[in-house]
PDB file of all heavy atoms in Angstrom:
ATOM      1  N   LEU A   1     155.046 118.570  11.868  1.00  0.00           N
ATOM      2  CA  LEU A   1     154.592 117.846  13.047  1.00  0.00           C
ATOM      3  C   LEU A   1     153.266 118.447  13.605  1.00  0.00           C
ATOM      4  O   LEU A   1     152.443 117.808  14.105  1.00  0.00           O
ATOM      5  CB  LEU A   1     155.671 117.894  14.124  1.00  0.00           C
ATOM      6  CG  LEU A   1     156.882 117.008  13.808  1.00  0.00           C
ATOM      7  CD1 LEU A   1     157.939 117.190  14.898  1.00  0.00           C
ATOM      8  CD2 LEU A   1     156.454 115.524  13.749  1.00  0.00           C
ATOM      9  N   LYS A   2     153.203 119.831  13.553  1.00  0.00           N
ATOM     10  CA  LYS A   2     152.005 120.494  14.028  1.00  0.00           C
ATOM     11  C   LYS A   2     150.799 120.055  13.203  1.00  0.00           C
ATOM     12  O   LYS A   2     149.712 119.829  13.752  1.00  0.00           O
ATOM     13  CB  LYS A   2     152.192 122.050  13.939  1.00  0.00           C
ATOM     14  CG  LYS A   2     151.013 122.841  14.409  1.00  0.00           C
ATOM     15  CD  LYS A   2     151.301 124.302  14.231  1.00  0.00           C
ATOM     16  CE  LYS A   2     150.053 125.123  14.711  1.00  0.00           C
ATOM     17  NZ  LYS A   2     150.269 126.561  14.433  1.00  0.00           N
ATOM     18  N   ASN A   3     150.948 119.953  11.889  1.00  0.00           N
ATOM     19  CA  ASN A   3     149.851 119.518  11.029  1.00  0.00           C
ATOM     20  C   ASN A   3     149.486 118.044  11.360  1.00  0.00           C
ATOM     21  O   ASN A   3     148.262 117.767  11.376  1.00  0.00           O
ATOM     22  CB  ASN A   3     150.233 119.608   9.522  1.00  0.00           C
ATOM     23  CG  ASN A   3     150.317 121.039   9.041  1.00  0.00           C
ATOM     24  OD1 ASN A   3     149.771 121.961   9.649  1.00  0.00           O
ATOM     25  ND2 ASN A   3     151.118 121.248   8.021  1.00  0.00           N
ATOM     26  N   ILE A   4     150.405 117.228  11.647  1.00  0.00           N
ATOM     27  CA  ILE A   4     150.171 115.831  12.007  1.00  0.00           C
ATOM     28  C   ILE A   4     149.370 115.780  13.287  1.00  0.00           C
ATOM     29  O   ILE A   4     148.339 115.045  13.446  1.00  0.00           O
ATOM     30  CB  ILE A   4     151.415 115.005  12.070  1.00  0.00           C
ATOM     31  CG1 ILE A   4     151.975 114.814  10.681  1.00  0.00           C
ATOM     32  CG2 ILE A   4     151.129 113.650  12.699  1.00  0.00           C
ATOM     33  CD1 ILE A   4     153.362 114.167  10.653  1.00  0.00           C
ATOM     34  N   ILE A   5     149.773 116.501  14.293  1.00  0.00           N
ATOM     35  CA  ILE A   5     149.052 116.524  15.568  1.00  0.00           C
ATOM     36  C   ILE A   5     147.690 117.081  15.433  1.00  0.00           C
ATOM     37  O   ILE A   5     146.757 116.549  16.052  1.00  0.00           O
ATOM     38  CB  ILE A   5     149.884 117.369  16.604  1.00  0.00           C
ATOM     39  CG1 ILE A   5     151.218 116.576  16.919  1.00  0.00           C
ATOM     40  CG2 ILE A   5     149.146 117.656  17.865  1.00  0.00           C
ATOM     41  CD1 ILE A   5     152.246 117.354  17.680  1.00  0.00           C
ATOM     42  N   GLU A   6     147.484 118.108  14.601  1.00  0.00           N
ATOM     43  CA  GLU A   6     146.149 118.640  14.422  1.00  0.00           C
ATOM     44  C   GLU A   6     145.259 117.572  13.717  1.00  0.00           C
ATOM     45  O   GLU A   6     144.108 117.420  14.096  1.00  0.00           O
ATOM     46  CB  GLU A   6     146.175 119.863  13.542  1.00  0.00           C
ATOM     47  CG  GLU A   6     146.712 121.142  14.273  1.00  0.00           C
ATOM     48  CD  GLU A   6     146.897 122.314  13.348  1.00  0.00           C
ATOM     49  OE1 GLU A   6     146.571 122.144  12.115  1.00  0.00           O
ATOM     50  OE2 GLU A   6     147.328 123.340  13.818  1.00  0.00           O
ATOM     51  N   ASP A   7     145.791 116.879  12.754  1.00  0.00           N
ATOM     52  CA  ASP A   7     145.016 115.784  12.124  1.00  0.00           C
ATOM     53  C   ASP A   7     144.654 114.671  13.079  1.00  0.00           C
ATOM     54  O   ASP A   7     143.569 114.141  13.119  1.00  0.00           O
ATOM     55  CB  ASP A   7     145.751 115.229  10.912  1.00  0.00           C
ATOM     56  CG  ASP A   7     145.853 116.155   9.761  1.00  0.00           C
ATOM     57  OD1 ASP A   7     145.052 117.141   9.746  1.00  0.00           O
ATOM     58  OD2 ASP A   7     146.775 115.980   8.886  1.00  0.00           O
ATOM     59  N   LEU A   8     145.612 114.310  13.971  1.00  0.00           N
ATOM     60  CA  LEU A   8     145.322 113.321  14.977  1.00  0.00           C
ATOM     61  C   LEU A   8     144.265 113.739  15.958  1.00  0.00           C
ATOM     62  O   LEU A   8     143.385 112.966  16.367  1.00  0.00           O
ATOM     63  CB  LEU A   8     146.607 112.950  15.700  1.00  0.00           C
ATOM     64  CG  LEU A   8     147.660 112.127  14.912  1.00  0.00           C
ATOM     65  CD1 LEU A   8     148.919 111.941  15.709  1.00  0.00           C
ATOM     66  CD2 LEU A   8     147.123 110.853  14.411  1.00  0.00           C
ATOM     67  N   ASN A   9     144.380 115.050  16.372  1.00  0.00           N
ATOM     68  CA  ASN A   9     143.311 115.605  17.274  1.00  0.00           C
ATOM     69  C   ASN A   9     141.930 115.596  16.653  1.00  0.00           C
ATOM     70  O   ASN A   9     140.918 115.223  17.243  1.00  0.00           O
ATOM     71  CB  ASN A   9     143.604 117.000  17.690  1.00  0.00           C
ATOM     72  CG  ASN A   9     144.754 117.029  18.711  1.00  0.00           C
ATOM     73  OD1 ASN A   9     144.894 116.096  19.445  1.00  0.00           O
ATOM     74  ND2 ASN A   9     145.469 118.147  18.807  1.00  0.00           N
ATOM     75  N   LYS A  10     141.863 115.860  15.310  1.00  0.00           N
ATOM     76  CA  LYS A  10     140.566 115.837  14.627  1.00  0.00           C
ATOM     77  C   LYS A  10     140.036 114.397  14.567  1.00  0.00           C
ATOM     78  O   LYS A  10     138.852 114.163  14.775  1.00  0.00           O
ATOM     79  CB  LYS A  10     140.680 116.394  13.186  1.00  0.00           C
ATOM     80  CG  LYS A  10     140.875 117.872  13.183  1.00  0.00           C
ATOM     81  CD  LYS A  10     141.091 118.352  11.749  1.00  0.00           C
ATOM     82  CE  LYS A  10     141.438 119.784  11.622  1.00  0.00           C
ATOM     83  NZ  LYS A  10     141.844 120.194  10.288  1.00  0.00           N
ATOM     84  N   ASP A  11     140.976 113.458  14.253  1.00  0.00           N
ATOM     85  CA  ASP A  11     140.551 112.013  14.202  1.00  0.00           C
ATOM     86  C   ASP A  11     140.062 111.602  15.587  1.00  0.00           C
ATOM     87  O   ASP A  11     139.035 110.835  15.700  1.00  0.00           O
ATOM     88  CB  ASP A  11     141.693 111.121  13.725  1.00  0.00           C
ATOM     89  CG  ASP A  11     141.987 111.278  12.219  1.00  0.00           C
ATOM     90  OD1 ASP A  11     141.081 111.819  11.529  1.00  0.00           O
ATOM     91  OD2 ASP A  11     143.037 110.845  11.793  1.00  0.00           O
ATOM     92  N   PHE A  12     140.773 111.984  16.631  1.00  0.00           N
ATOM     93  CA  PHE A  12     140.395 111.540  17.917  1.00  0.00           C
ATOM     94  C   PHE A  12     139.049 112.129  18.373  1.00  0.00           C
ATOM     95  O   PHE A  12     138.192 111.429  18.922  1.00  0.00           O
ATOM     96  CB  PHE A  12     141.488 112.007  18.985  1.00  0.00           C
ATOM     97  CG  PHE A  12     141.132 111.609  20.391  1.00  0.00           C
ATOM     98  CD1 PHE A  12     141.223 110.323  20.799  1.00  0.00           C
ATOM     99  CD2 PHE A  12     140.715 112.606  21.324  1.00  0.00           C
ATOM    100  CE1 PHE A  12     140.899 109.932  22.134  1.00  0.00           C
ATOM    101  CE2 PHE A  12     140.393 112.291  22.611  1.00  0.00           C
ATOM    102  CZ  PHE A  12     140.491 110.966  23.022  1.00  0.00           C
ATOM    103  N   LEU A  13     138.825 113.447  18.046  1.00  0.00           N
ATOM    104  CA  LEU A  13     137.563 114.024  18.357  1.00  0.00           C
ATOM    105  C   LEU A  13     136.426 113.389  17.609  1.00  0.00           C
ATOM    106  O   LEU A  13     135.321 113.187  18.142  1.00  0.00           O
ATOM    107  CB  LEU A  13     137.633 115.521  18.110  1.00  0.00           C
ATOM    108  CG  LEU A  13     138.517 116.310  19.140  1.00  0.00           C
ATOM    109  CD1 LEU A  13     138.605 117.784  18.733  1.00  0.00           C
ATOM    110  CD2 LEU A  13     138.030 116.174  20.543  1.00  0.00           C
ATOM    111  N   SER A  14     136.653 113.090  16.291  1.00  0.00           N
ATOM    112  CA  SER A  14     135.580 112.441  15.574  1.00  0.00           C
ATOM    113  C   SER A  14     135.294 111.068  16.131  1.00  0.00           C
ATOM    114  O   SER A  14     134.206 110.605  16.148  1.00  0.00           O
ATOM    115  CB  SER A  14     135.969 112.379  14.055  1.00  0.00           C
ATOM    116  OG  SER A  14     137.067 111.500  13.882  1.00  0.00           O
ATOM    117  N   LEU A  15     136.306 110.379  16.566  1.00  0.00           N
ATOM    118  CA  LEU A  15     136.098 109.044  17.175  1.00  0.00           C
ATOM    119  C   LEU A  15     135.291 109.155  18.444  1.00  0.00           C
ATOM    120  O   LEU A  15     134.365 108.368  18.687  1.00  0.00           O
ATOM    121  CB  LEU A  15     137.440 108.334  17.479  1.00  0.00           C
ATOM    122  CG  LEU A  15     137.346 107.030  18.249  1.00  0.00           C
ATOM    123  CD1 LEU A  15     136.645 105.975  17.362  1.00  0.00           C
ATOM    124  CD2 LEU A  15     138.633 106.564  18.707  1.00  0.00           C
ATOM    125  N   VAL A  16     135.612 110.137  19.256  1.00  0.00           N
ATOM    126  CA  VAL A  16     134.893 110.367  20.513  1.00  0.00           C
ATOM    127  C   VAL A  16     133.435 110.633  20.197  1.00  0.00           C
ATOM    128  O   VAL A  16     132.499 110.134  20.885  1.00  0.00           O
ATOM    129  CB  VAL A  16     135.534 111.460  21.380  1.00  0.00           C
ATOM    130  CG1 VAL A  16     134.594 111.905  22.509  1.00  0.00           C
ATOM    131  CG2 VAL A  16     136.883 111.028  21.936  1.00  0.00           C
ATOM    132  N   ASN A  17     133.113 111.514  19.177  1.00  0.00           N
ATOM    133  CA  ASN A  17     131.774 111.821  18.734  1.00  0.00           C
ATOM    134  C   ASN A  17     131.032 110.552  18.319  1.00  0.00           C
ATOM    135  O   ASN A  17     129.900 110.326  18.659  1.00  0.00           O
ATOM    136  CB  ASN A  17     131.827 112.834  17.661  1.00  0.00           C
ATOM    137  CG  ASN A  17     132.158 114.220  18.154  1.00  0.00           C
ATOM    138  OD1 ASN A  17     131.983 114.501  19.384  1.00  0.00           O
ATOM    139  ND2 ASN A  17     132.648 115.055  17.279  1.00  0.00           N
ATOM    140  N   ILE A  18     131.759 109.684  17.546  1.00  0.00           N
ATOM    141  CA  ILE A  18     131.172 108.481  17.065  1.00  0.00           C
ATOM    142  C   ILE A  18     130.826 107.578  18.226  1.00  0.00           C
ATOM    143  O   ILE A  18     129.716 106.989  18.376  1.00  0.00           O
ATOM    144  CB  ILE A  18     132.099 107.815  16.060  1.00  0.00           C
ATOM    145  CG1 ILE A  18     132.121 108.602  14.767  1.00  0.00           C
ATOM    146  CG2 ILE A  18     131.613 106.352  15.772  1.00  0.00           C
ATOM    147  CD1 ILE A  18     133.175 108.171  13.810  1.00  0.00           C
ATOM    148  N   LEU A  19     131.783 107.362  19.200  1.00  0.00           N
ATOM    149  CA  LEU A  19     131.589 106.505  20.310  1.00  0.00           C
ATOM    150  C   LEU A  19     130.472 107.034  21.176  1.00  0.00           C
ATOM    151  O   LEU A  19     129.683 106.240  21.703  1.00  0.00           O
ATOM    152  CB  LEU A  19     132.881 106.397  21.075  1.00  0.00           C
ATOM    153  CG  LEU A  19     133.973 105.595  20.353  1.00  0.00           C
ATOM    154  CD1 LEU A  19     135.262 105.554  21.209  1.00  0.00           C
ATOM    155  CD2 LEU A  19     133.524 104.135  20.069  1.00  0.00           C
ATOM    156  N   THR A  20     130.388 108.345  21.409  1.00  0.00           N
ATOM    157  CA  THR A  20     129.291 108.817  22.275  1.00  0.00           C
ATOM    158  C   THR A  20     127.967 108.751  21.607  1.00  0.00           C
ATOM    159  O   THR A  20     126.971 108.625  22.284  1.00  0.00           O
ATOM    160  CB  THR A  20     129.600 110.289  22.733  1.00  0.00           C
ATOM    161  OG1 THR A  20     129.823 111.072  21.534  1.00  0.00           O
ATOM    162  CG2 THR A  20     130.810 110.366  23.612  1.00  0.00           C
ATOM    163  N   THR A  21     127.965 108.871  20.272  1.00  0.00           N
ATOM    164  CA  THR A  21     126.651 108.724  19.568  1.00  0.00           C
ATOM    165  C   THR A  21     126.130 107.301  19.641  1.00  0.00           C
ATOM    166  O   THR A  21     124.984 107.089  19.842  1.00  0.00           O
ATOM    167  CB  THR A  21     126.902 109.101  18.056  1.00  0.00           C
ATOM    168  OG1 THR A  21     127.390 110.459  17.985  1.00  0.00           O
ATOM    169  CG2 THR A  21     125.557 109.018  17.295  1.00  0.00           C
ATOM    170  N   TYR A  22     126.933 106.313  19.465  1.00  0.00           N
ATOM    171  CA  TYR A  22     126.529 104.920  19.385  1.00  0.00           C
ATOM    172  C   TYR A  22     126.612 104.166  20.703  1.00  0.00           C
ATOM    173  O   TYR A  22     126.143 103.007  20.801  1.00  0.00           O
ATOM    174  CB  TYR A  22     127.267 104.187  18.350  1.00  0.00           C
ATOM    175  CG  TYR A  22     127.049 104.645  16.914  1.00  0.00           C
ATOM    176  CD1 TYR A  22     127.971 105.294  16.185  1.00  0.00           C
ATOM    177  CD2 TYR A  22     125.835 104.434  16.321  1.00  0.00           C
ATOM    178  CE1 TYR A  22     127.723 105.773  14.935  1.00  0.00           C
ATOM    179  CE2 TYR A  22     125.538 104.814  15.042  1.00  0.00           C
ATOM    180  CZ  TYR A  22     126.534 105.504  14.374  1.00  0.00           C
ATOM    181  OH  TYR A  22     126.302 106.003  13.088  1.00  0.00           O
ATOM    182  N   SER A  23     127.239 104.733  21.689  1.00  0.00           N
ATOM    183  CA  SER A  23     127.519 103.995  22.894  1.00  0.00           C
ATOM    184  C   SER A  23     126.276 104.082  23.883  1.00  0.00           C
ATOM    185  O   SER A  23     125.636 105.083  23.975  1.00  0.00           O
ATOM    186  CB  SER A  23     128.745 104.548  23.581  1.00  0.00           C
ATOM    187  OG  SER A  23     129.030 103.801  24.759  1.00  0.00           O
ATOM    188  N   THR A  24     126.073 103.012  24.593  1.00  0.00           N
ATOM    189  CA  THR A  24     125.063 103.007  25.584  1.00  0.00           C
ATOM    190  C   THR A  24     125.661 103.313  26.939  1.00  0.00           C
ATOM    191  O   THR A  24     124.905 103.710  27.841  1.00  0.00           O
ATOM    192  CB  THR A  24     124.351 101.647  25.692  1.00  0.00           C
ATOM    193  OG1 THR A  24     125.366 100.593  25.906  1.00  0.00           O
ATOM    194  CG2 THR A  24     123.661 101.297  24.406  1.00  0.00           C
ATOM    195  N   GLN A  25     126.963 103.135  27.095  1.00  0.00           N
ATOM    196  CA  GLN A  25     127.621 103.449  28.323  1.00  0.00           C
ATOM    197  C   GLN A  25     128.298 104.861  28.183  1.00  0.00           C
ATOM    198  O   GLN A  25     128.778 105.217  27.111  1.00  0.00           O
ATOM    199  CB  GLN A  25     128.767 102.413  28.617  1.00  0.00           C
ATOM    200  CG  GLN A  25     128.285 101.052  28.743  1.00  0.00           C
ATOM    201  CD  GLN A  25     127.560 100.822  30.063  1.00  0.00           C
ATOM    202  OE1 GLN A  25     127.916 101.504  31.033  1.00  0.00           O
ATOM    203  NE2 GLN A  25     126.672  99.890  30.191  1.00  0.00           N
TER     204      GLN A  25
END
């Protein structure tokens, strides 16, 4: 479960990075 949560956190952080890179808002 710890590994799954770490993977989800990485995916979430990469999504936030992508959204902040491409977002105008």
